[in-house]
């Protein structure tokens, strides 16, 4: 996990030849309930599990 732009460590997949999906917040200013914001930005549990399953597919 990284507190930064979702693509900050994207180069690592090229170095390790491992599949990767970048998830995270790319813009700011939204207001709302934490669960709604996580879902909006695609960092909720369902999205993370789905992205993981896609990678190990």
N, C-alpha and C. Protein backbone atom coordinates (compact mmCIF):
# COMPACT_ATOMS: atom_id res chain seq x y z
N UNK A 1 0.84 -1.17 0.00
CA UNK A 1 0.00 0.00 0.00
C UNK A 1 0.89 1.23 0.00
N UNK A 2 0.45 2.27 -0.69
CA UNK A 2 1.21 3.50 -0.82
C UNK A 2 0.29 4.69 -0.68
N UNK A 3 0.71 5.67 0.07
CA UNK A 3 -0.05 6.91 0.19
C UNK A 3 0.47 7.87 -0.87
N UNK A 4 0.09 7.63 -2.10
CA UNK A 4 0.54 8.43 -3.22
C UNK A 4 -0.30 8.12 -4.44
N UNK A 5 0.08 8.67 -5.57
CA UNK A 5 -0.66 8.44 -6.82
C UNK A 5 -0.66 6.96 -7.14
N UNK A 6 -1.78 6.43 -7.66
CA UNK A 6 -1.88 5.00 -7.93
C UNK A 6 -0.81 4.45 -8.87
N UNK A 7 -0.24 5.26 -9.72
CA UNK A 7 0.76 4.76 -10.68
C UNK A 7 2.20 5.01 -10.24
N UNK A 8 2.40 5.47 -9.01
CA UNK A 8 3.74 5.78 -8.53
C UNK A 8 4.68 4.59 -8.63
N UNK A 9 4.20 3.42 -8.29
CA UNK A 9 5.05 2.23 -8.31
C UNK A 9 4.76 1.31 -9.50
N UNK A 10 4.14 1.84 -10.53
CA UNK A 10 3.75 1.03 -11.69
C UNK A 10 4.95 0.39 -12.38
N UNK A 11 6.11 1.02 -12.28
CA UNK A 11 7.30 0.48 -12.93
C UNK A 11 7.71 -0.88 -12.35
N UNK A 12 7.27 -1.18 -11.13
CA UNK A 12 7.68 -2.43 -10.49
C UNK A 12 7.20 -3.66 -11.25
N UNK A 13 6.05 -3.56 -11.89
CA UNK A 13 5.57 -4.73 -12.64
C UNK A 13 6.47 -5.02 -13.83
N UNK A 14 7.07 -3.99 -14.41
CA UNK A 14 7.99 -4.21 -15.51
C UNK A 14 9.29 -4.84 -15.02
N UNK A 15 9.73 -4.44 -13.85
CA UNK A 15 10.96 -4.98 -13.29
C UNK A 15 10.78 -6.43 -12.86
N UNK A 16 9.65 -6.74 -12.24
CA UNK A 16 9.43 -8.09 -11.70
C UNK A 16 8.66 -8.99 -12.65
N UNK A 17 8.17 -8.45 -13.75
CA UNK A 17 7.35 -9.19 -14.71
C UNK A 17 6.11 -9.79 -14.05
N UNK A 18 5.57 -9.08 -13.08
CA UNK A 18 4.38 -9.53 -12.37
C UNK A 18 3.18 -8.68 -12.80
N UNK A 19 2.03 -9.31 -12.95
CA UNK A 19 0.83 -8.53 -13.30
C UNK A 19 0.49 -7.54 -12.20
N UNK A 20 -0.09 -6.42 -12.58
CA UNK A 20 -0.38 -5.37 -11.62
C UNK A 20 -1.63 -4.60 -12.03
N UNK A 21 -2.37 -4.16 -11.06
CA UNK A 21 -3.49 -3.25 -11.27
C UNK A 21 -3.31 -2.07 -10.34
N UNK A 22 -3.44 -0.87 -10.85
CA UNK A 22 -3.28 0.33 -10.03
C UNK A 22 -4.65 0.84 -9.60
N UNK A 23 -4.86 0.89 -8.30
CA UNK A 23 -6.10 1.40 -7.73
C UNK A 23 -5.77 2.59 -6.85
N UNK A 24 -6.66 3.57 -6.81
CA UNK A 24 -6.44 4.68 -5.89
C UNK A 24 -7.07 5.97 -6.34
N UNK A 25 -6.88 6.97 -5.53
CA UNK A 25 -7.45 8.30 -5.73
C UNK A 25 -6.55 9.11 -6.66
N UNK A 26 -7.15 9.65 -7.73
CA UNK A 26 -6.38 10.45 -8.67
C UNK A 26 -6.80 11.92 -8.66
N UNK A 27 -7.91 12.24 -8.02
CA UNK A 27 -8.35 13.62 -7.90
C UNK A 27 -9.00 13.81 -6.53
N UNK A 28 -9.11 15.05 -6.12
CA UNK A 28 -9.57 15.34 -4.77
C UNK A 28 -10.71 16.34 -4.79
N UNK A 29 -11.40 16.46 -3.68
CA UNK A 29 -12.46 17.46 -3.54
C UNK A 29 -13.83 16.86 -3.34
N UNK A 30 -13.95 15.55 -3.45
CA UNK A 30 -15.24 14.91 -3.26
C UNK A 30 -15.56 14.85 -1.76
N UNK A 31 -16.83 14.96 -1.46
CA UNK A 31 -17.28 14.93 -0.08
C UNK A 31 -18.34 13.84 0.04
N UNK A 32 -18.30 13.10 1.13
CA UNK A 32 -19.31 12.08 1.33
C UNK A 32 -18.95 11.11 2.42
N UNK A 33 -19.78 10.14 2.58
CA UNK A 33 -19.57 9.06 3.52
C UNK A 33 -18.35 8.25 3.08
N UNK A 34 -17.58 7.77 4.04
CA UNK A 34 -16.34 7.06 3.72
C UNK A 34 -16.60 5.87 2.80
N UNK A 35 -17.61 5.07 3.10
CA UNK A 35 -17.91 3.91 2.26
C UNK A 35 -18.28 4.32 0.84
N UNK A 36 -19.05 5.41 0.70
CA UNK A 36 -19.42 5.89 -0.63
C UNK A 36 -18.20 6.39 -1.39
N UNK A 37 -17.31 7.08 -0.70
CA UNK A 37 -16.11 7.59 -1.36
C UNK A 37 -15.17 6.46 -1.76
N UNK A 38 -15.02 5.46 -0.92
CA UNK A 38 -14.20 4.30 -1.29
C UNK A 38 -14.76 3.65 -2.55
N UNK A 39 -16.07 3.48 -2.60
CA UNK A 39 -16.71 2.88 -3.77
C UNK A 39 -16.51 3.78 -5.00
N UNK A 40 -16.68 5.10 -4.83
CA UNK A 40 -16.52 6.06 -5.93
C UNK A 40 -15.10 5.97 -6.53
N UNK A 41 -14.10 5.86 -5.66
CA UNK A 41 -12.72 5.84 -6.12
C UNK A 41 -12.22 4.43 -6.46
N UNK A 42 -13.05 3.43 -6.25
CA UNK A 42 -12.66 2.07 -6.60
C UNK A 42 -11.64 1.47 -5.65
N UNK A 43 -11.73 1.86 -4.37
CA UNK A 43 -10.82 1.29 -3.38
C UNK A 43 -11.60 0.60 -2.27
N UNK A 44 -12.81 0.18 -2.58
CA UNK A 44 -13.62 -0.57 -1.62
C UNK A 44 -13.26 -2.06 -1.73
N UNK A 45 -13.70 -2.83 -0.75
CA UNK A 45 -13.33 -4.26 -0.71
C UNK A 45 -13.76 -5.01 -1.95
N UNK A 46 -14.95 -4.75 -2.45
CA UNK A 46 -15.43 -5.46 -3.64
C UNK A 46 -14.54 -5.21 -4.86
N UNK A 47 -14.13 -3.97 -5.05
CA UNK A 47 -13.28 -3.62 -6.19
C UNK A 47 -11.88 -4.25 -6.03
N UNK A 48 -11.35 -4.22 -4.82
CA UNK A 48 -10.02 -4.79 -4.58
C UNK A 48 -10.04 -6.30 -4.82
N UNK A 49 -11.06 -6.98 -4.31
CA UNK A 49 -11.18 -8.43 -4.52
C UNK A 49 -11.35 -8.72 -6.02
N UNK A 50 -12.18 -7.95 -6.70
CA UNK A 50 -12.38 -8.14 -8.13
C UNK A 50 -11.10 -7.95 -8.92
N UNK A 51 -10.33 -6.92 -8.58
CA UNK A 51 -9.07 -6.67 -9.27
C UNK A 51 -8.08 -7.80 -9.02
N UNK A 52 -8.08 -8.31 -7.80
CA UNK A 52 -7.19 -9.44 -7.47
C UNK A 52 -7.57 -10.68 -8.27
N UNK A 53 -8.86 -10.97 -8.32
CA UNK A 53 -9.31 -12.14 -9.08
C UNK A 53 -8.99 -11.99 -10.57
N UNK A 54 -9.10 -10.77 -11.09
CA UNK A 54 -8.75 -10.53 -12.50
C UNK A 54 -7.27 -10.84 -12.75
N UNK A 55 -6.42 -10.46 -11.79
CA UNK A 55 -4.99 -10.67 -11.97
C UNK A 55 -4.60 -12.14 -11.90
N UNK A 56 -5.25 -12.88 -11.01
CA UNK A 56 -4.87 -14.29 -10.88
C UNK A 56 -5.68 -15.19 -11.79
N UNK A 57 -6.71 -14.59 -12.43
CA UNK A 57 -7.63 -15.17 -13.35
C UNK A 57 -7.46 -16.50 -13.86
